[in-house]
Amino acid sequence: MLTGNGIVAQAVRYVAVGLAVLAADFAIYSAILLAAPERFLAANLAGKVVGAALGFVLHRTVTFRWAQRDPATRQLLSYLAVLGFNLLLSSLLLWLAIDRLGANPYLVKLAVDIVIVGTAFLLSRLWVYRRL
C-alpha cells in the first residue's frame, strides 16, 4: 500500500517526510527565537529554507518517486515558487498572530505549519512533481 503511487500512499509518505522537514524547520526556528525572541519572522525564514532544502530532496526521492514528467531543474524552480508562496503565507499568519494578537510564537508556528503542510502537499502533487 505505501509503495504505490495512489494518493493515500503518497499522503502517508508525505506525512513521514513532512515530519522530518517540520522537525528541522521547528528546530531552526526555535533556536533563533531563543536567542532573539523578537526575530520570529527571520526565524521562520531560516527554518523554512532549511526545511525546504531537506524537503525537496526527500519528496523527490521518497514521496513522489515514480517516473516524473519534468527534470529536476524545473521541479526545483516550481518547488521554490511553492516555498515562496508558503513563506509569505506563513509569515503573514505568524505576524498577525504574534505581533497583532500576542499569541505564543511556538504554538502559533505549529498551527501555521499545519495549514502550510496541506497547501504544500496539494501544490507538490499537482504542480511540482507531476506524473507522466
C-alpha atoms as a PDB file:
ATOM      1  CA  MET A   1       0.000   0.000   0.000  1.00  0.00           C
ATOM      2  CA  LEU A   2       2.708   2.526   0.908  1.00  0.00           C
ATOM      3  CA  THR A   3       4.791   1.603  -2.133  1.00  0.00           C
ATOM      4  CA  GLY A   4       2.082   2.599  -4.623  1.00  0.00           C
ATOM      5  CA  ASN A   5       1.523   5.837  -6.483  1.00  0.00           C
ATOM      6  CA  GLY A   6      -2.033   6.420  -5.244  1.00  0.00           C
ATOM      7  CA  ILE A   7      -2.928   9.478  -3.250  1.00  0.00           C
ATOM      8  CA  VAL A   8      -3.222   7.570   0.054  1.00  0.00           C
ATOM      9  CA  ALA A   9       0.261   6.052  -0.269  1.00  0.00           C
ATOM     10  CA  GLN A  10       1.675   9.413  -1.312  1.00  0.00           C
ATOM     11  CA  ALA A  11      -0.057  11.165   1.562  1.00  0.00           C
ATOM     12  CA  VAL A  12       1.387   8.689   4.074  1.00  0.00           C
ATOM     13  CA  ARG A  13       4.887   9.119   2.624  1.00  0.00           C
ATOM     14  CA  TYR A  14       4.345  12.897   2.548  1.00  0.00           C
ATOM     15  CA  VAL A  15       3.463  12.908   6.252  1.00  0.00           C
ATOM     16  CA  ALA A  16       6.534  10.817   7.132  1.00  0.00           C
ATOM     17  CA  VAL A  17       8.868  13.059   5.137  1.00  0.00           C
ATOM     18  CA  GLY A  18       6.965  16.114   6.311  1.00  0.00           C
ATOM     19  CA  LEU A  19       7.598  15.265   9.948  1.00  0.00           C
ATOM     20  CA  ALA A  20      11.345  15.288   9.287  1.00  0.00           C
ATOM     21  CA  VAL A  21      11.034  18.576   7.406  1.00  0.00           C
ATOM     22  CA  LEU A  22       8.882  20.139  10.138  1.00  0.00           C
ATOM     23  CA  ALA A  23      11.309  18.976  12.824  1.00  0.00           C
ATOM     24  CA  ALA A  24      14.220  20.639  11.016  1.00  0.00           C
ATOM     25  CA  ASP A  25      12.176  23.807  10.390  1.00  0.00           C
ATOM     26  CA  PHE A  26      10.962  23.998  14.001  1.00  0.00           C
ATOM     27  CA  ALA A  27      14.434  23.310  15.437  1.00  0.00           C
ATOM     28  CA  ILE A  28      15.975  26.198  13.483  1.00  0.00           C
ATOM     29  CA  TYR A  29      13.005  28.466  14.276  1.00  0.00           C
ATOM     30  CA  SER A  30      13.224  27.649  17.997  1.00  0.00           C
ATOM     31  CA  ALA A  31      16.996  28.122  18.194  1.00  0.00           C
ATOM     32  CA  ILE A  32      16.793  31.571  16.636  1.00  0.00           C
ATOM     33  CA  LEU A  33      13.750  32.513  18.693  1.00  0.00           C
ATOM     34  CA  LEU A  34      15.535  31.525  21.916  1.00  0.00           C
ATOM     35  CA  ALA A  35      18.422  33.834  21.036  1.00  0.00           C
ATOM     36  CA  ALA A  36      16.268  36.683  19.734  1.00  0.00           C
ATOM     37  CA  PRO A  37      12.535  36.421  20.573  1.00  0.00           C
ATOM     38  CA  GLU A  38      11.627  39.498  18.519  1.00  0.00           C
ATOM     39  CA  ARG A  39      13.100  37.941  15.334  1.00  0.00           C
ATOM     40  CA  PHE A  40      10.269  35.461  14.718  1.00  0.00           C
ATOM     41  CA  LEU A  41       9.991  36.337  11.014  1.00  0.00           C
ATOM     42  CA  ALA A  42      13.722  35.816  10.443  1.00  0.00           C
ATOM     43  CA  ALA A  43      13.476  32.578  12.412  1.00  0.00           C
ATOM     44  CA  ASN A  44      10.589  31.469  10.201  1.00  0.00           C
ATOM     45  CA  LEU A  45      12.578  32.289   7.056  1.00  0.00           C
ATOM     46  CA  ALA A  46      15.631  30.349   8.240  1.00  0.00           C
ATOM     47  CA  GLY A  47      13.555  27.371   9.327  1.00  0.00           C
ATOM     48  CA  LYS A  48      11.616  27.275   6.067  1.00  0.00           C
ATOM     49  CA  VAL A  49      14.802  27.446   3.960  1.00  0.00           C
ATOM     50  CA  VAL A  50      16.457  24.579   5.857  1.00  0.00           C
ATOM     51  CA  GLY A  51      13.254  22.551   5.796  1.00  0.00           C
ATOM     52  CA  ALA A  52      12.761  23.227   2.085  1.00  0.00           C
ATOM     53  CA  ALA A  53      16.240  22.008   1.182  1.00  0.00           C
ATOM     54  CA  LEU A  54      15.645  18.775   3.059  1.00  0.00           C
ATOM     55  CA  GLY A  55      12.097  18.527   1.748  1.00  0.00           C
ATOM     56  CA  PHE A  56      12.982  18.925  -1.923  1.00  0.00           C
ATOM     57  CA  VAL A  57      15.405  16.011  -1.861  1.00  0.00           C
ATOM     58  CA  LEU A  58      13.207  13.733   0.238  1.00  0.00           C
ATOM     59  CA  HIS A  59       9.969  14.493  -1.603  1.00  0.00           C
ATOM     60  CA  ARG A  60      11.638  13.928  -4.983  1.00  0.00           C
ATOM     61  CA  THR A  61      13.195  10.626  -3.952  1.00  0.00           C
ATOM     62  CA  VAL A  62      10.629   9.260  -1.472  1.00  0.00           C
ATOM     63  CA  THR A  63       7.190  10.862  -1.603  1.00  0.00           C
ATOM     64  CA  PHE A  64       6.784  11.426  -5.354  1.00  0.00           C
ATOM     65  CA  ARG A  65       9.393   8.948  -6.593  1.00  0.00           C
ATOM     66  CA  TRP A  66       7.612   7.497  -9.632  1.00  0.00           C
ATOM     67  CA  ALA A  67       8.601   8.419 -13.198  1.00  0.00           C
ATOM     68  CA  GLN A  68       8.133  12.170 -13.295  1.00  0.00           C
ATOM     69  CA  ARG A  69       7.254  14.434 -16.184  1.00  0.00           C
ATOM     70  CA  ASP A  70       9.787  17.163 -15.584  1.00  0.00           C
ATOM     71  CA  PRO A  71      13.544  17.258 -14.943  1.00  0.00           C
ATOM     72  CA  ALA A  72      14.916  18.154 -11.512  1.00  0.00           C
ATOM     73  CA  THR A  73      15.726  21.729 -12.588  1.00  0.00           C
ATOM     74  CA  ARG A  74      12.115  22.508 -13.480  1.00  0.00           C
ATOM     75  CA  GLN A  75      10.919  20.776 -10.331  1.00  0.00           C
ATOM     76  CA  LEU A  76      13.342  22.826  -8.248  1.00  0.00           C
ATOM     77  CA  LEU A  77      12.066  26.075  -9.759  1.00  0.00           C
ATOM     78  CA  SER A  78       8.465  25.004  -9.106  1.00  0.00           C
ATOM     79  CA  TYR A  79       9.395  23.929  -5.585  1.00  0.00           C
ATOM     80  CA  LEU A  80      10.997  27.315  -4.930  1.00  0.00           C
ATOM     81  CA  ALA A  81       7.811  29.025  -6.135  1.00  0.00           C
ATOM     82  CA  VAL A  82       5.769  26.898  -3.706  1.00  0.00           C
ATOM     83  CA  LEU A  83       8.297  27.727  -0.968  1.00  0.00           C
ATOM     84  CA  GLY A  84       7.918  31.434  -1.742  1.00  0.00           C
ATOM     85  CA  PHE A  85       4.139  31.207  -1.503  1.00  0.00           C
ATOM     86  CA  ASN A  86       4.300  29.182   1.714  1.00  0.00           C
ATOM     87  CA  LEU A  87       6.877  31.532   3.197  1.00  0.00           C
ATOM     88  CA  LEU A  88       4.701  34.567   2.503  1.00  0.00           C
ATOM     89  CA  LEU A  89       1.574  32.859   3.847  1.00  0.00           C
ATOM     90  CA  SER A  90       3.283  31.515   6.983  1.00  0.00           C
ATOM     91  CA  SER A  91       4.999  34.844   7.691  1.00  0.00           C
ATOM     92  CA  LEU A  92       1.733  36.740   7.321  1.00  0.00           C
ATOM     93  CA  LEU A  93      -0.098  34.346   9.643  1.00  0.00           C
ATOM     94  CA  LEU A  94       2.740  34.414  12.190  1.00  0.00           C
ATOM     95  CA  TRP A  95       2.878  38.204  12.111  1.00  0.00           C
ATOM     96  CA  LEU A  96      -0.880  38.508  12.593  1.00  0.00           C
ATOM     97  CA  ALA A  97      -0.974  36.020  15.456  1.00  0.00           C
ATOM     98  CA  ILE A  98       2.224  37.036  17.262  1.00  0.00           C
ATOM     99  CA  ASP A  99       2.550  40.743  16.596  1.00  0.00           C
ATOM    100  CA  ARG A 100      -1.108  41.723  16.489  1.00  0.00           C
ATOM    101  CA  LEU A 101      -2.735  39.159  18.793  1.00  0.00           C
ATOM    102  CA  GLY A 102       0.162  38.446  21.161  1.00  0.00           C
ATOM    103  CA  ALA A 103      -0.024  34.665  20.666  1.00  0.00           C
ATOM    104  CA  ASN A 104       2.667  32.239  21.795  1.00  0.00           C
ATOM    105  CA  PRO A 105       5.219  32.119  18.946  1.00  0.00           C
ATOM    106  CA  TYR A 106       5.924  28.392  19.371  1.00  0.00           C
ATOM    107  CA  LEU A 107       2.286  27.277  19.391  1.00  0.00           C
ATOM    108  CA  VAL A 108       1.393  29.588  16.533  1.00  0.00           C
ATOM    109  CA  LYS A 109       4.277  28.225  14.460  1.00  0.00           C
ATOM    110  CA  LEU A 110       2.910  24.697  14.892  1.00  0.00           C
ATOM    111  CA  ALA A 111      -0.627  25.772  13.973  1.00  0.00           C
ATOM    112  CA  VAL A 112       0.519  27.749  10.933  1.00  0.00           C
ATOM    113  CA  ASP A 113       2.624  24.841   9.715  1.00  0.00           C
ATOM    114  CA  ILE A 114      -0.429  22.569   9.727  1.00  0.00           C
ATOM    115  CA  VAL A 115      -2.036  24.930   7.203  1.00  0.00           C
ATOM    116  CA  ILE A 116       1.192  25.118   5.193  1.00  0.00           C
ATOM    117  CA  VAL A 117       1.604  21.319   5.040  1.00  0.00           C
ATOM    118  CA  GLY A 118      -1.804  20.856   3.440  1.00  0.00           C
ATOM    119  CA  THR A 119      -1.208  23.595   0.906  1.00  0.00           C
ATOM    120  CA  ALA A 120       2.273  22.315   0.075  1.00  0.00           C
ATOM    121  CA  PHE A 121       1.051  18.737  -0.458  1.00  0.00           C
ATOM    122  CA  LEU A 122      -1.581  19.777  -2.971  1.00  0.00           C
ATOM    123  CA  LEU A 123       0.758  22.104  -4.855  1.00  0.00           C
ATOM    124  CA  SER A 124       3.524  19.487  -4.857  1.00  0.00           C
ATOM    125  CA  ARG A 125       1.287  16.698  -6.135  1.00  0.00           C
ATOM    126  CA  LEU A 126      -0.479  18.749  -8.777  1.00  0.00           C
ATOM    127  CA  TRP A 127       2.322  21.008  -9.965  1.00  0.00           C
ATOM    128  CA  VAL A 128       5.874  20.312  -8.763  1.00  0.00           C
ATOM    129  CA  TYR A 129       6.082  16.506  -9.037  1.00  0.00           C
ATOM    130  CA  ARG A 130       3.518  15.916 -11.793  1.00  0.00           C
ATOM    131  CA  ARG A 131       3.106  12.397 -13.128  1.00  0.00           C
ATOM    132  CA  LEU A 132       3.831  11.454 -16.692  1.00  0.00           C
END
